[in-house]
Amino acid sequence: MAGAARRRDGNVTQERMLEEAMAAIAEDGLASLTMSALAERLGTSGGHILYYFGSKDLLLLAALRWSEAALAEERRALLGRRITAERKLDLFLRLYLPRGPRDPRWTLWIELWARTPGNTALREAQAELDTGWQEDLEALLTMGAARRRFAPLDAAARASELLALLDGLSTRVVLGQEPGRDPRSAVEAARSAARALIPPLLPRFHDRLTEHQPR
């Protein structure tokens, strides 16, 4: 793997830089991530990293885009699975939420949110990434309503509201705020919000409940 991660001239590839940046954030937090520290982890120079990314802000944005691209593939695969819409929604919630207080993707999101008001490039990138989640959730809800798993709904409005709630829950987990610091509590809160915003048709309610029972 190490050999595949380097170019023939011995320089570290961009993907390897992004992988190591995410690993460093997960281990030590964003504050400890400097160009020199990342260069030391990679065995290269800070100038080499700057050559590709130009600044720490652009490196962080590239790392977030790289992470989100992998999740976008997982979302597409999820939407294509032959399972009920309720189950797809539950898996979507888990995919969106952080895995714990050290989740590097969500650490990056929170950092970049704080920087977007004065940075057009970051603001446009955030909107682009948000749109992907919004469109995929809308598609899931529209399909669920068409197949009579969910009650009739405004898919765009419900998706927007649920994603806003998920952002709040995710922020609490990453910041370690009570009572949302436990990812398991966040998942249960997300499920509760989804039930309120996206109610199933009553004849299907028992199906959704039994679907998650231990087998």
Protein backbone atom coordinates (compact mmCIF):
# COMPACT_ATOMS: atom_id res chain seq x y z
CA MET A 1 0.00 0.00 0.00
CA ALA A 2 2.80 2.40 0.89
CA GLY A 3 4.47 1.86 -2.46
CA ALA A 4 1.20 2.39 -4.33
CA ALA A 5 0.65 5.63 -2.44
CA ARG A 6 3.79 7.25 -3.88
CA ARG A 7 4.67 8.54 -7.31
CA ARG A 8 7.76 7.36 -9.13
CA ASP A 9 9.68 10.44 -8.02
CA GLY A 10 9.06 9.50 -4.38
CA ASN A 11 6.52 12.25 -3.71
CA VAL A 12 3.37 11.44 -1.74
CA THR A 13 0.18 11.35 -3.80
CA GLN A 14 -2.70 13.72 -3.17
CA GLU A 15 -4.99 10.89 -2.08
CA ARG A 16 -2.44 9.75 0.48
CA MET A 17 -2.25 13.30 1.84
CA LEU A 18 -6.03 13.38 2.25
CA GLU A 19 -6.10 9.95 3.91
CA GLU A 20 -3.43 11.00 6.38
CA ALA A 21 -5.10 14.36 7.06
CA MET A 22 -8.34 12.60 8.00
CA ALA A 23 -6.46 10.11 10.18
CA ALA A 24 -4.62 12.95 11.95
CA ILE A 25 -7.89 14.79 12.65
CA ALA A 26 -9.44 11.62 14.09
CA GLU A 27 -6.43 11.00 16.32
CA ASP A 28 -5.46 14.48 17.53
CA GLY A 29 -8.20 16.90 16.48
CA LEU A 30 -8.19 19.65 13.90
CA ALA A 31 -6.20 22.15 15.97
CA SER A 32 -3.13 19.88 15.84
CA LEU A 33 -3.25 19.56 12.06
CA THR A 34 -0.65 21.88 10.54
CA MET A 35 1.09 21.59 7.21
CA SER A 36 4.39 20.82 8.92
CA ALA A 37 2.82 18.18 11.18
CA LEU A 38 1.08 16.53 8.23
CA ALA A 39 4.30 16.63 6.22
CA GLU A 40 6.14 14.92 9.06
CA ARG A 41 3.52 12.15 9.21
CA LEU A 42 3.88 11.61 5.48
CA GLY A 43 7.65 11.86 5.29
CA THR A 44 7.53 14.74 2.84
CA SER A 45 7.78 18.54 2.98
CA GLY A 46 5.20 21.18 3.78
CA GLY A 47 6.04 22.80 0.46
CA HIS A 48 5.06 19.64 -1.39
CA ILE A 49 1.63 19.68 0.27
CA LEU A 50 1.19 23.39 -0.43
CA TYR A 51 2.07 22.79 -4.08
CA TYR A 52 -1.07 20.69 -4.45
CA PHE A 53 -3.50 22.46 -2.13
CA GLY A 54 -2.24 26.04 -1.75
CA SER A 55 -3.46 26.54 1.82
CA LYS A 56 -4.75 24.71 4.85
CA ASP A 57 -8.32 25.79 4.06
CA LEU A 58 -8.11 24.24 0.60
CA LEU A 59 -6.55 21.07 2.02
CA LEU A 60 -9.43 20.75 4.50
CA LEU A 61 -11.98 21.33 1.76
CA ALA A 62 -10.33 18.71 -0.44
CA ALA A 63 -10.32 16.24 2.46
CA LEU A 64 -14.02 16.86 3.06
CA ARG A 65 -14.84 16.44 -0.64
CA TRP A 66 -12.87 13.19 -0.72
CA SER A 67 -14.72 11.86 2.33
CA GLU A 68 -18.11 12.94 1.00
CA ALA A 69 -17.44 11.33 -2.39
CA ALA A 70 -17.11 7.95 -0.68
CA LEU A 71 -20.37 8.53 1.20
CA ALA A 72 -22.12 9.55 -2.01
CA GLU A 73 -21.26 6.14 -3.46
CA GLU A 74 -22.67 4.47 -0.35
CA ARG A 75 -25.88 6.50 -0.67
CA ARG A 76 -26.33 5.48 -4.30
CA ALA A 77 -25.83 1.84 -3.35
CA LEU A 78 -28.31 2.21 -0.48
CA LEU A 79 -31.00 3.69 -2.72
CA GLY A 80 -30.64 0.76 -5.08
CA ARG A 81 -30.99 -1.95 -2.44
CA ARG A 82 -34.04 -4.23 -2.42
CA ILE A 83 -35.21 -3.36 1.09
CA THR A 84 -38.15 -1.38 2.41
CA ALA A 85 -38.15 2.41 2.37
CA GLU A 86 -38.27 2.44 6.18
CA ARG A 87 -35.11 0.37 6.37
CA LYS A 88 -33.41 2.57 3.78
CA LEU A 89 -34.31 5.65 5.81
CA ASP A 90 -32.88 4.12 8.98
CA LEU A 91 -29.62 3.28 7.20
CA PHE A 92 -29.53 6.78 5.69
CA LEU A 93 -29.72 8.28 9.18
CA ARG A 94 -26.81 6.13 10.35
CA LEU A 95 -24.77 7.08 7.30
CA TYR A 96 -25.33 10.78 7.90
CA LEU A 97 -24.60 10.91 11.64
CA PRO A 98 -21.06 10.95 13.08
CA ARG A 99 -19.60 7.77 14.49
CA GLY A 100 -18.39 9.53 17.63
CA PRO A 101 -16.86 12.74 19.04
CA ARG A 102 -13.67 12.22 16.99
CA ASP A 103 -15.41 11.74 13.66
CA PRO A 104 -13.04 13.57 11.27
CA ARG A 105 -15.64 14.28 8.60
CA TRP A 106 -17.93 16.04 11.02
CA THR A 107 -15.01 17.85 12.64
CA LEU A 108 -14.24 19.27 9.21
CA TRP A 109 -17.86 20.22 8.57
CA ILE A 110 -18.08 22.21 11.80
CA GLU A 111 -14.78 23.96 11.09
CA LEU A 112 -15.75 24.88 7.55
CA TRP A 113 -19.21 26.07 8.56
CA ALA A 114 -17.50 28.71 10.70
CA ARG A 115 -15.41 29.86 7.74
CA THR A 116 -18.03 29.91 4.95
CA PRO A 117 -19.63 33.35 5.55
CA GLY A 118 -16.50 35.13 4.31
CA ASN A 119 -15.32 32.57 1.79
CA THR A 120 -17.23 32.17 -1.46
CA ALA A 121 -15.41 29.00 -2.53
CA LEU A 122 -16.19 27.25 0.76
CA ARG A 123 -19.80 28.43 0.66
CA GLU A 124 -20.31 27.09 -2.85
CA ALA A 125 -18.65 23.78 -1.97
CA GLN A 126 -20.84 23.40 1.11
CA ALA A 127 -23.98 24.04 -0.95
CA GLU A 128 -22.88 21.46 -3.53
CA LEU A 129 -22.24 18.76 -0.91
CA ASP A 130 -25.48 19.54 0.93
CA THR A 131 -27.42 19.28 -2.33
CA GLY A 132 -26.26 15.70 -2.82
CA TRP A 133 -27.66 14.61 0.55
CA GLN A 134 -30.87 16.58 -0.01
CA GLU A 135 -31.55 15.11 -3.44
CA ASP A 136 -30.88 11.55 -2.36
CA LEU A 137 -33.11 11.86 0.71
CA GLU A 138 -35.86 13.41 -1.42
CA ALA A 139 -35.60 10.47 -3.82
CA LEU A 140 -35.85 8.00 -0.95
CA LEU A 141 -38.93 9.71 0.51
CA THR A 142 -40.61 10.07 -2.88
CA MET A 143 -40.08 6.39 -3.58
CA GLY A 144 -41.37 5.44 -0.13
CA ALA A 145 -44.54 7.45 -0.57
CA ALA A 146 -45.09 6.06 -4.08
CA ARG A 147 -44.84 2.52 -2.71
CA ARG A 148 -47.20 3.41 0.15
CA ARG A 149 -44.61 2.89 2.86
CA PHE A 150 -44.87 6.55 3.91
CA ALA A 151 -47.91 8.80 4.14
CA PRO A 152 -48.22 11.39 1.35
CA LEU A 153 -45.67 14.14 1.94
CA ASP A 154 -43.75 17.08 0.53
CA ALA A 155 -40.46 15.23 0.00
CA ALA A 156 -38.34 18.37 -0.47
CA ALA A 157 -39.63 20.06 2.69
CA ARG A 158 -39.42 16.94 4.86
CA ALA A 159 -35.91 16.15 3.63
CA SER A 160 -34.72 19.68 4.37
CA GLU A 161 -36.22 19.63 7.87
CA LEU A 162 -34.82 16.22 8.73
CA LEU A 163 -31.33 17.12 7.50
CA ALA A 164 -31.36 20.29 9.60
CA LEU A 165 -32.22 18.21 12.67
CA LEU A 166 -29.47 15.73 11.83
CA ASP A 167 -26.96 18.58 11.56
CA GLY A 168 -27.86 19.70 15.08
CA LEU A 169 -27.60 16.19 16.50
CA SER A 170 -24.28 15.61 14.75
CA THR A 171 -22.83 18.84 16.09
CA ARG A 172 -23.75 17.84 19.65
CA VAL A 173 -22.04 14.49 19.26
CA VAL A 174 -18.82 15.96 17.85
CA LEU A 175 -18.69 18.74 20.42
CA GLY A 176 -19.39 16.28 23.24
CA GLN A 177 -22.43 18.19 24.46
CA GLU A 178 -24.84 16.47 26.83
CA PRO A 179 -27.14 14.65 26.25
CA GLY A 180 -26.13 14.20 22.62
CA ARG A 181 -22.53 13.10 23.05
CA ASP A 182 -23.36 9.40 22.75
CA PRO A 183 -23.78 8.43 19.06
CA ARG A 184 -26.37 5.82 20.08
CA SER A 185 -28.53 8.52 21.66
CA ALA A 186 -28.21 10.58 18.50
CA VAL A 187 -29.41 7.65 16.38
CA GLU A 188 -32.46 7.19 18.59
CA ALA A 189 -33.21 10.92 18.49
CA ALA A 190 -32.87 10.88 14.70
CA ARG A 191 -35.27 7.96 14.44
CA SER A 192 -37.77 9.80 16.63
CA ALA A 193 -37.52 12.89 14.44
CA ALA A 194 -37.93 10.80 11.30
CA ARG A 195 -41.07 9.16 12.69
CA ALA A 196 -42.56 12.58 13.43
CA LEU A 197 -41.67 14.14 10.08
CA ILE A 198 -42.17 11.10 7.86
CA PRO A 199 -45.01 8.99 9.29
CA PRO A 200 -45.70 5.61 7.70
CA LEU A 201 -49.12 4.68 6.46
CA LEU A 202 -50.91 3.00 9.35
CA PRO A 203 -51.30 -0.42 7.68
CA ARG A 204 -47.51 -0.55 7.32
CA PHE A 205 -46.68 0.62 10.84
CA HIS A 206 -46.47 -2.87 12.29
CA ASP A 207 -44.18 -3.95 9.44
CA ARG A 208 -41.70 -1.19 10.22
CA LEU A 209 -41.62 -2.03 13.91
CA THR A 210 -41.09 -5.73 13.42
CA GLU A 211 -38.43 -5.16 10.78
CA HIS A 212 -35.95 -3.99 13.42
CA GLN A 213 -36.68 -6.72 15.95
CA PRO A 214 -33.87 -9.22 16.66
CA ARG A 215 -34.13 -12.30 14.50
